[in-house]
Amino acid sequence: MADQERERLLAAFADHLLKNRLADEKHGRYMVGWVRHYSYRTEQTYLDWARRFYTHVAKGLRSPPKSPLDLLG
């Protein structure tokens, strides 16, 4: 998606939040900021994160992780 189109949609989202009183101006800016932040991430970004997690955390476990529900008996 082109940056101009993305910014147009973000402005429309902010306008929607304000018009429908879903958020005040301060919180609306915060919400739009998070949408902007995550909209610029790509699928590859998430795949890289999952690969790093698996490599550094999951492979380092000596036994499978236990669920808190296992403690209930």
PDB file of N, CA and C in Angstrom:
ATOM      1  N   MET A   1       0.858  -1.172   0.000  1.00  0.00           N
ATOM      2  CA  MET A   1       0.000   0.000   0.000  1.00  0.00           C
ATOM      3  C   MET A   1       0.904   1.235   0.000  1.00  0.00           C
ATOM      4  N   ALA A   2       0.583   2.189  -0.823  1.00  0.00           N
ATOM      5  CA  ALA A   2       1.376   3.406  -0.917  1.00  0.00           C
ATOM      6  C   ALA A   2       1.250   4.214   0.370  1.00  0.00           C
ATOM      7  N   ASP A   3       2.319   4.928   0.696  1.00  0.00           N
ATOM      8  CA  ASP A   3       2.333   5.706   1.934  1.00  0.00           C
ATOM      9  C   ASP A   3       1.227   6.754   1.967  1.00  0.00           C
ATOM     10  N   GLN A   4       0.962   7.398   0.834  1.00  0.00           N
ATOM     11  CA  GLN A   4      -0.088   8.422   0.801  1.00  0.00           C
ATOM     12  C   GLN A   4      -1.459   7.810   1.069  1.00  0.00           C
ATOM     13  N   GLU A   5      -1.705   6.656   0.492  1.00  0.00           N
ATOM     14  CA  GLU A   5      -2.983   5.971   0.700  1.00  0.00           C
ATOM     15  C   GLU A   5      -3.115   5.534   2.155  1.00  0.00           C
ATOM     16  N   ARG A   6      -2.035   5.028   2.704  1.00  0.00           N
ATOM     17  CA  ARG A   6      -2.046   4.584   4.104  1.00  0.00           C
ATOM     18  C   ARG A   6      -2.343   5.762   5.033  1.00  0.00           C
ATOM     19  N   GLU A   7      -1.697   6.893   4.785  1.00  0.00           N
ATOM     20  CA  GLU A   7      -1.921   8.069   5.625  1.00  0.00           C
ATOM     21  C   GLU A   7      -3.345   8.605   5.457  1.00  0.00           C
ATOM     22  N   ARG A   8      -3.887   8.505   4.246  1.00  0.00           N
ATOM     23  CA  ARG A   8      -5.273   8.933   4.029  1.00  0.00           C
ATOM     24  C   ARG A   8      -6.222   8.062   4.843  1.00  0.00           C
ATOM     25  N   LEU A   9      -5.980   6.756   4.837  1.00  0.00           N
ATOM     26  CA  LEU A   9      -6.825   5.844   5.604  1.00  0.00           C
ATOM     27  C   LEU A   9      -6.666   6.057   7.105  1.00  0.00           C
ATOM     28  N   LEU A  10      -5.460   6.357   7.554  1.00  0.00           N
ATOM     29  CA  LEU A  10      -5.251   6.636   8.975  1.00  0.00           C
ATOM     30  C   LEU A  10      -5.972   7.912   9.399  1.00  0.00           C
ATOM     31  N   ALA A  11      -5.959   8.915   8.528  1.00  0.00           N
ATOM     32  CA  ALA A  11      -6.683  10.151   8.828  1.00  0.00           C
ATOM     33  C   ALA A  11      -8.181   9.889   8.893  1.00  0.00           C
ATOM     34  N   ALA A  12      -8.686   9.054   7.999  1.00  0.00           N
ATOM     35  CA  ALA A  12     -10.109   8.698   8.023  1.00  0.00           C
ATOM     36  C   ALA A  12     -10.444   7.923   9.293  1.00  0.00           C
ATOM     37  N   PHE A  13      -9.541   7.052   9.730  1.00  0.00           N
ATOM     38  CA  PHE A  13      -9.742   6.298  10.964  1.00  0.00           C
ATOM     39  C   PHE A  13      -9.795   7.246  12.162  1.00  0.00           C
ATOM     40  N   ALA A  14      -8.868   8.198  12.207  1.00  0.00           N
ATOM     41  CA  ALA A  14      -8.855   9.178  13.294  1.00  0.00           C
ATOM     42  C   ALA A  14     -10.142   9.991  13.291  1.00  0.00           C
ATOM     43  N   ASP A  15     -10.581  10.393  12.115  1.00  0.00           N
ATOM     44  CA  ASP A  15     -11.825  11.152  11.988  1.00  0.00           C
ATOM     45  C   ASP A  15     -13.014  10.329  12.481  1.00  0.00           C
ATOM     46  N   HIS A  16     -13.035   9.059  12.137  1.00  0.00           N
ATOM     47  CA  HIS A  16     -14.105   8.159  12.575  1.00  0.00           C
ATOM     48  C   HIS A  16     -14.129   8.056  14.104  1.00  0.00           C
ATOM     49  N   LEU A  17     -12.960   7.928  14.711  1.00  0.00           N
ATOM     50  CA  LEU A  17     -12.887   7.828  16.170  1.00  0.00           C
ATOM     51  C   LEU A  17     -13.455   9.073  16.841  1.00  0.00           C
ATOM     52  N   LEU A  18     -13.098  10.235  16.304  1.00  0.00           N
ATOM     53  CA  LEU A  18     -13.559  11.488  16.903  1.00  0.00           C
ATOM     54  C   LEU A  18     -15.045  11.727  16.659  1.00  0.00           C
ATOM     55  N   LYS A  19     -15.500  11.526  15.423  1.00  0.00           N
ATOM     56  CA  LYS A  19     -16.906  11.771  15.089  1.00  0.00           C
ATOM     57  C   LYS A  19     -17.855  10.886  15.883  1.00  0.00           C
ATOM     58  N   ASN A  20     -17.462   9.641  16.091  1.00  0.00           N
ATOM     59  CA  ASN A  20     -18.329   8.699  16.797  1.00  0.00           C
ATOM     60  C   ASN A  20     -18.040   8.640  18.293  1.00  0.00           C
ATOM     61  N   ARG A  21     -17.207   9.568  18.744  1.00  0.00           N
ATOM     62  CA  ARG A  21     -16.851   9.678  20.165  1.00  0.00           C
ATOM     63  C   ARG A  21     -16.350   8.356  20.746  1.00  0.00           C
ATOM     64  N   LEU A  22     -15.569   7.649  19.947  1.00  0.00           N
ATOM     65  CA  LEU A  22     -14.969   6.398  20.410  1.00  0.00           C
ATOM     66  C   LEU A  22     -13.686   6.667  21.187  1.00  0.00           C
ATOM     67  N   ALA A  23     -13.110   7.844  20.966  1.00  0.00           N
ATOM     68  CA  ALA A  23     -11.905   8.248  21.688  1.00  0.00           C
ATOM     69  C   ALA A  23     -11.811   9.763  21.633  1.00  0.00           C
ATOM     70  N   ASP A  24     -11.220  10.343  22.683  1.00  0.00           N
ATOM     71  CA  ASP A  24     -10.973  11.780  22.619  1.00  0.00           C
ATOM     72  C   ASP A  24      -9.726  12.008  21.756  1.00  0.00           C
ATOM     73  N   GLU A  25      -9.349  13.264  21.569  1.00  0.00           N
ATOM     74  CA  GLU A  25      -8.257  13.565  20.642  1.00  0.00           C
ATOM     75  C   GLU A  25      -6.936  12.933  21.087  1.00  0.00           C
ATOM     76  N   LYS A  26      -6.646  13.002  22.382  1.00  0.00           N
ATOM     77  CA  LYS A  26      -5.387  12.446  22.896  1.00  0.00           C
ATOM     78  C   LYS A  26      -5.312  10.937  22.661  1.00  0.00           C
ATOM     79  N   HIS A  27      -6.366  10.227  23.031  1.00  0.00           N
ATOM     80  CA  HIS A  27      -6.367   8.775  22.880  1.00  0.00           C
ATOM     81  C   HIS A  27      -6.481   8.365  21.409  1.00  0.00           C
ATOM     82  N   GLY A  28      -7.164   9.172  20.621  1.00  0.00           N
ATOM     83  CA  GLY A  28      -7.263   8.897  19.189  1.00  0.00           C
ATOM     84  C   GLY A  28      -5.901   8.941  18.521  1.00  0.00           C
ATOM     85  N   ARG A  29      -5.087   9.948  18.885  1.00  0.00           N
ATOM     86  CA  ARG A  29      -3.725  10.036  18.331  1.00  0.00           C
ATOM     87  C   ARG A  29      -2.907   8.808  18.726  1.00  0.00           C
ATOM     88  N   TYR A  30      -3.073   8.375  19.974  1.00  0.00           N
ATOM     89  CA  TYR A  30      -2.354   7.193  20.461  1.00  0.00           C
ATOM     90  C   TYR A  30      -2.760   5.959  19.655  1.00  0.00           C
ATOM     91  N   MET A  31      -4.062   5.787  19.442  1.00  0.00           N
ATOM     92  CA  MET A  31      -4.557   4.624  18.702  1.00  0.00           C
ATOM     93  C   MET A  31      -4.073   4.652  17.252  1.00  0.00           C
ATOM     94  N   VAL A  32      -4.142   5.807  16.630  1.00  0.00           N
ATOM     95  CA  VAL A  32      -3.683   5.936  15.243  1.00  0.00           C
ATOM     96  C   VAL A  32      -2.185   5.652  15.162  1.00  0.00           C
ATOM     97  N   GLY A  33      -1.442   6.093  16.166  1.00  0.00           N
ATOM     98  CA  GLY A  33      -0.005   5.821  16.188  1.00  0.00           C
ATOM     99  C   GLY A  33       0.299   4.332  16.204  1.00  0.00           C
ATOM    100  N   TRP A  34      -0.475   3.578  16.988  1.00  0.00           N
ATOM    101  CA  TRP A  34      -0.253   2.129  17.037  1.00  0.00           C
ATOM    102  C   TRP A  34      -0.664   1.458  15.736  1.00  0.00           C
ATOM    103  N   VAL A  35      -1.754   1.910  15.148  1.00  0.00           N
ATOM    104  CA  VAL A  35      -2.157   1.342  13.857  1.00  0.00           C
ATOM    105  C   VAL A  35      -1.081   1.640  12.814  1.00  0.00           C
ATOM    106  N   ARG A  36      -0.558   2.856  12.824  1.00  0.00           N
ATOM    107  CA  ARG A  36       0.511   3.224  11.888  1.00  0.00           C
ATOM    108  C   ARG A  36       1.734   2.336  12.116  1.00  0.00           C
ATOM    109  N   HIS A  37       2.104   2.162  13.363  1.00  0.00           N
ATOM    110  CA  HIS A  37       3.278   1.349  13.706  1.00  0.00           C
ATOM    111  C   HIS A  37       3.142  -0.069  13.161  1.00  0.00           C
ATOM    112  N   TYR A  38       2.010  -0.701  13.399  1.00  0.00           N
ATOM    113  CA  TYR A  38       1.840  -2.087  12.971  1.00  0.00           C
ATOM    114  C   TYR A  38       1.519  -2.225  11.487  1.00  0.00           C
ATOM    115  N   SER A  39       0.986  -1.192  10.872  1.00  0.00           N
ATOM    116  CA  SER A  39       0.663  -1.299   9.450  1.00  0.00           C
ATOM    117  C   SER A  39       1.917  -1.263   8.583  1.00  0.00           C
ATOM    118  N   TYR A  40       3.015  -0.750   9.113  1.00  0.00           N
ATOM    119  CA  TYR A  40       4.251  -0.711   8.334  1.00  0.00           C
ATOM    120  C   TYR A  40       5.053  -1.997   8.466  1.00  0.00           C
ATOM    121  N   ARG A  41       4.637  -2.881   9.338  1.00  0.00           N
ATOM    122  CA  ARG A  41       5.330  -4.160   9.464  1.00  0.00           C
ATOM    123  C   ARG A  41       4.882  -5.076   8.340  1.00  0.00           C
ATOM    124  N   THR A  42       5.766  -5.939   7.947  1.00  0.00           N
ATOM    125  CA  THR A  42       5.452  -6.864   6.867  1.00  0.00           C
ATOM    126  C   THR A  42       5.328  -8.273   7.423  1.00  0.00           C
ATOM    127  N   GLU A  43       4.826  -9.150   6.604  1.00  0.00           N
ATOM    128  CA  GLU A  43       4.718 -10.546   7.018  1.00  0.00           C
ATOM    129  C   GLU A  43       6.098 -11.105   7.329  1.00  0.00           C
ATOM    130  N   GLN A  44       7.098 -10.678   6.577  1.00  0.00           N
ATOM    131  CA  GLN A  44       8.461 -11.165   6.813  1.00  0.00           C
ATOM    132  C   GLN A  44       8.941 -10.763   8.202  1.00  0.00           C
ATOM    133  N   THR A  45       8.550  -9.583   8.676  1.00  0.00           N
ATOM    134  CA  THR A  45       8.932  -9.146  10.015  1.00  0.00           C
ATOM    135  C   THR A  45       8.435 -10.133  11.050  1.00  0.00           C
ATOM    136  N   TYR A  46       7.192 -10.571  10.919  1.00  0.00           N
ATOM    137  CA  TYR A  46       6.634 -11.516  11.879  1.00  0.00           C
ATOM    138  C   TYR A  46       7.282 -12.888  11.755  1.00  0.00           C
ATOM    139  N   LEU A  47       7.603 -13.306  10.542  1.00  0.00           N
ATOM    140  CA  LEU A  47       8.285 -14.584  10.364  1.00  0.00           C
ATOM    141  C   LEU A  47       9.673 -14.552  10.991  1.00  0.00           C
ATOM    142  N   ASP A  48      10.373 -13.434  10.835  1.00  0.00           N
ATOM    143  CA  ASP A  48      11.698 -13.302  11.444  1.00  0.00           C
ATOM    144  C   ASP A  48      11.603 -13.360  12.961  1.00  0.00           C
ATOM    145  N   TRP A  49      10.604 -12.689  13.527  1.00  0.00           N
ATOM    146  CA  TRP A  49      10.422 -12.710  14.979  1.00  0.00           C
ATOM    147  C   TRP A  49      10.137 -14.129  15.461  1.00  0.00           C
ATOM    148  N   ALA A  50       9.266 -14.842  14.782  1.00  0.00           N
ATOM    149  CA  ALA A  50       8.933 -16.213  15.179  1.00  0.00           C
ATOM    150  C   ALA A  50      10.160 -17.115  15.073  1.00  0.00           C
ATOM    151  N   ARG A  51      10.947 -16.928  14.044  1.00  0.00           N
ATOM    152  CA  ARG A  51      12.154 -17.735  13.869  1.00  0.00           C
ATOM    153  C   ARG A  51      13.151 -17.465  14.996  1.00  0.00           C
ATOM    154  N   ARG A  52      13.332 -16.189  15.353  1.00  0.00           N
ATOM    155  CA  ARG A  52      14.240 -15.854  16.457  1.00  0.00           C
ATOM    156  C   ARG A  52      13.732 -16.428  17.769  1.00  0.00           C
ATOM    157  N   PHE A  53      12.429 -16.335  18.003  1.00  0.00           N
ATOM    158  CA  PHE A  53      11.848 -16.877  19.230  1.00  0.00           C
ATOM    159  C   PHE A  53      12.109 -18.375  19.305  1.00  0.00           C
ATOM    160  N   TYR A  54      11.834 -19.068  18.233  1.00  0.00           N
ATOM    161  CA  TYR A  54      12.025 -20.518  18.223  1.00  0.00           C
ATOM    162  C   TYR A  54      13.491 -20.865  18.458  1.00  0.00           C
ATOM    163  N   THR A  55      14.377 -20.165  17.779  1.00  0.00           N
ATOM    164  CA  THR A  55      15.803 -20.471  17.878  1.00  0.00           C
ATOM    165  C   THR A  55      16.339 -20.227  19.281  1.00  0.00           C
ATOM    166  N   HIS A  56      15.960 -19.119  19.902  1.00  0.00           N
ATOM    167  CA  HIS A  56      16.567 -18.733  21.172  1.00  0.00           C
ATOM    168  C   HIS A  56      15.789 -19.196  22.397  1.00  0.00           C
ATOM    169  N   VAL A  57      14.526 -19.454  22.268  1.00  0.00           N
ATOM    170  CA  VAL A  57      13.726 -19.814  23.438  1.00  0.00           C
ATOM    171  C   VAL A  57      13.260 -21.257  23.371  1.00  0.00           C
ATOM    172  N   ALA A  58      12.492 -21.575  22.369  1.00  0.00           N
ATOM    173  CA  ALA A  58      11.870 -22.899  22.319  1.00  0.00           C
ATOM    174  C   ALA A  58      12.903 -24.020  22.206  1.00  0.00           C
ATOM    175  N   LYS A  59      13.949 -23.825  21.409  1.00  0.00           N
ATOM    176  CA  LYS A  59      14.955 -24.875  21.256  1.00  0.00           C
ATOM    177  C   LYS A  59      15.791 -25.041  22.516  1.00  0.00           C
ATOM    178  N   GLY A  60      15.839 -23.994  23.352  1.00  0.00           N
ATOM    179  CA  GLY A  60      16.627 -24.056  24.575  1.00  0.00           C
ATOM    180  C   GLY A  60      15.926 -24.767  25.720  1.00  0.00           C
ATOM    181  N   LEU A  61      14.671 -25.091  25.574  1.00  0.00           N
ATOM    182  CA  LEU A  61      13.944 -25.775  26.636  1.00  0.00           C
ATOM    183  C   LEU A  61      14.360 -27.239  26.687  1.00  0.00           C
ATOM    184  N   ARG A  62      14.616 -27.732  27.869  1.00  0.00           N
ATOM    185  CA  ARG A  62      15.011 -29.135  28.011  1.00  0.00           C
ATOM    186  C   ARG A  62      13.793 -30.054  28.038  1.00  0.00           C
ATOM    187  N   SER A  63      12.681 -29.553  28.496  1.00  0.00           N
ATOM    188  CA  SER A  63      11.446 -30.340  28.501  1.00  0.00           C
ATOM    189  C   SER A  63      10.341 -29.463  27.939  1.00  0.00           C
ATOM    190  N   PRO A  64       9.270 -30.070  27.471  1.00  0.00           N
ATOM    191  CA  PRO A  64       8.194 -29.249  26.909  1.00  0.00           C
ATOM    192  C   PRO A  64       7.612 -28.314  27.966  1.00  0.00           C
ATOM    193  N   PRO A  65       7.205 -27.121  27.552  1.00  0.00           N
ATOM    194  CA  PRO A  65       6.611 -26.200  28.515  1.00  0.00           C
ATOM    195  C   PRO A  65       5.354 -26.801  29.122  1.00  0.00           C
ATOM    196  N   LYS A  66       5.140 -26.516  30.390  1.00  0.00           N
ATOM    197  CA  LYS A  66       3.964 -27.044  31.080  1.00  0.00           C
ATOM    198  C   LYS A  66       2.902 -25.963  31.160  1.00  0.00           C
ATOM    199  N   SER A  67       1.696 -26.393  31.050  1.00  0.00           N
ATOM    200  CA  SER A  67       0.568 -25.488  31.171  1.00  0.00           C
ATOM    201  C   SER A  67       0.271 -25.275  32.651  1.00  0.00           C
ATOM    202  N   PRO A  68      -0.147 -24.079  33.043  1.00  0.00           N
ATOM    203  CA  PRO A  68      -0.572 -23.865  34.432  1.00  0.00           C
ATOM    204  C   PRO A  68      -1.729 -24.792  34.813  1.00  0.00           C
ATOM    205  N   LEU A  69      -2.483 -25.248  33.819  1.00  0.00           N
ATOM    206  CA  LEU A  69      -3.600 -26.150  34.101  1.00  0.00           C
ATOM    207  C   LEU A  69      -3.106 -27.520  34.557  1.00  0.00           C
ATOM    208  N   ASP A  70      -1.863 -27.882  34.182  1.00  0.00           N
ATOM    209  CA  ASP A  70      -1.303 -29.160  34.623  1.00  0.00           C
ATOM    210  C   ASP A  70      -1.144 -29.206  36.138  1.00  0.00           C
ATOM    211  N   LEU A  71      -0.960 -28.057  36.767  1.00  0.00           N
ATOM    212  CA  LEU A  71      -0.778 -28.009  38.212  1.00  0.00           C
ATOM    213  C   LEU A  71      -2.062 -28.322  38.967  1.00  0.00           C
ATOM    214  N   LEU A  72      -3.192 -28.218  38.289  1.00  0.00           N
ATOM    215  CA  LEU A  72      -4.474 -28.479  38.949  1.00  0.00           C
ATOM    216  C   LEU A  72      -4.694 -29.964  39.202  1.00  0.00           C
ATOM    217  N   GLY A  73      -3.940 -30.799  38.536  1.00  0.00           N
ATOM    218  CA  GLY A  73      -4.027 -32.243  38.786  1.00  0.00           C
ATOM    219  C   GLY A  73      -4.908 -32.914  37.881  1.00  0.00           C
TER     220      GLY A  73
END
